[in-house]
Protein backbone atom coordinates (compact mmCIF):
# COMPACT_ATOMS: atom_id res chain seq x y z
CA UNK A 1 0.00 0.00 0.00
CA UNK A 2 2.98 2.31 0.49
CA UNK A 3 3.80 2.05 -3.23
CA UNK A 4 0.30 3.24 -4.11
CA UNK A 5 0.67 6.28 -1.84
CA UNK A 6 3.98 7.20 -3.45
CA UNK A 7 2.38 6.86 -6.88
CA UNK A 8 -0.45 9.22 -5.92
CA UNK A 9 2.05 11.75 -4.53
CA UNK A 10 4.16 11.51 -7.70
CA UNK A 11 1.10 12.01 -9.92
CA UNK A 12 0.06 15.02 -7.85
CA UNK A 13 3.48 16.60 -8.19
CA UNK A 14 3.50 15.86 -11.92
CA UNK A 15 0.11 17.56 -12.29
CA UNK A 16 1.39 20.62 -10.44
CA UNK A 17 4.42 20.83 -12.74
CA UNK A 18 2.23 20.42 -15.83
CA UNK A 19 -0.14 23.09 -14.50
CA UNK A 20 2.71 25.57 -14.07
CA UNK A 21 4.02 24.76 -17.55
CA UNK A 22 0.58 25.35 -19.06
CA UNK A 23 0.30 28.68 -17.25
CA UNK A 24 3.77 29.83 -18.25
CA UNK A 25 3.73 28.57 -21.83
CA UNK A 26 0.04 29.09 -22.54
CA UNK A 27 0.52 32.08 -24.80
CA UNK A 28 3.42 30.56 -26.70
CA UNK A 29 2.18 26.99 -27.01
CA UNK A 30 0.11 25.57 -29.84
CA UNK A 31 -1.45 22.89 -27.67
CA UNK A 32 -5.17 23.01 -28.22
CA UNK A 33 -4.73 24.46 -31.71
CA UNK A 34 -3.02 21.58 -33.45
CA UNK A 35 -3.83 20.36 -36.96
CA UNK A 36 -6.62 17.83 -36.58
CA UNK A 37 -8.41 19.69 -33.80
CA UNK A 38 -12.01 20.28 -34.83
CA UNK A 39 -13.29 23.86 -34.77
CA UNK A 40 -16.65 24.85 -36.29
CA UNK A 41 -18.11 28.34 -36.05
CA UNK A 42 -21.46 29.09 -37.69
CA UNK A 43 -23.25 32.26 -36.67
CA UNK A 44 -23.65 32.22 -32.90
CA UNK A 45 -22.79 28.49 -32.62
CA UNK A 46 -19.24 27.40 -31.87
CA UNK A 47 -18.08 23.78 -31.55
CA UNK A 48 -14.53 22.90 -30.58
CA UNK A 49 -13.12 19.42 -30.03
CA UNK A 50 -9.33 19.11 -29.60
CA UNK A 51 -9.02 15.63 -31.15
CA UNK A 52 -5.29 15.69 -31.91
CA UNK A 53 -4.51 17.29 -28.57
CA UNK A 54 -6.47 14.56 -26.76
CA UNK A 55 -4.62 11.82 -28.65
CA UNK A 56 -1.20 13.31 -27.88
CA UNK A 57 -2.01 13.80 -24.19
CA UNK A 58 -3.36 10.24 -24.00
CA UNK A 59 -0.16 8.86 -25.52
CA UNK A 60 2.00 10.86 -23.11
CA UNK A 61 -0.05 9.73 -20.12
CA UNK A 62 0.10 6.11 -21.31
CA UNK A 63 3.88 6.29 -21.65
CA UNK A 64 4.24 7.80 -18.19
CA UNK A 65 2.06 5.08 -16.69
CA UNK A 66 3.95 2.38 -18.62
CA UNK A 67 7.32 3.54 -17.31
CA UNK A 68 5.98 3.93 -13.78
CA UNK A 69 4.57 0.40 -13.75
CA UNK A 70 7.87 -1.21 -14.80
CA UNK A 71 10.06 -2.43 -11.97
């Protein structure tokens, strides 16, 4: 059970670091505006779905979890 607690603490610290990076690099980063992200604007209706961004973040999270689970 101690290993699980350390994992939760590590994930929390990683989220804090990612949060600071997003805040600091938000104006200079293209995350959320990548090719493949869906953006439709018609009149007063706007639909936005960051498909490519979701795929990239999912791959990164999967890699992090894969490397954390290896012993």
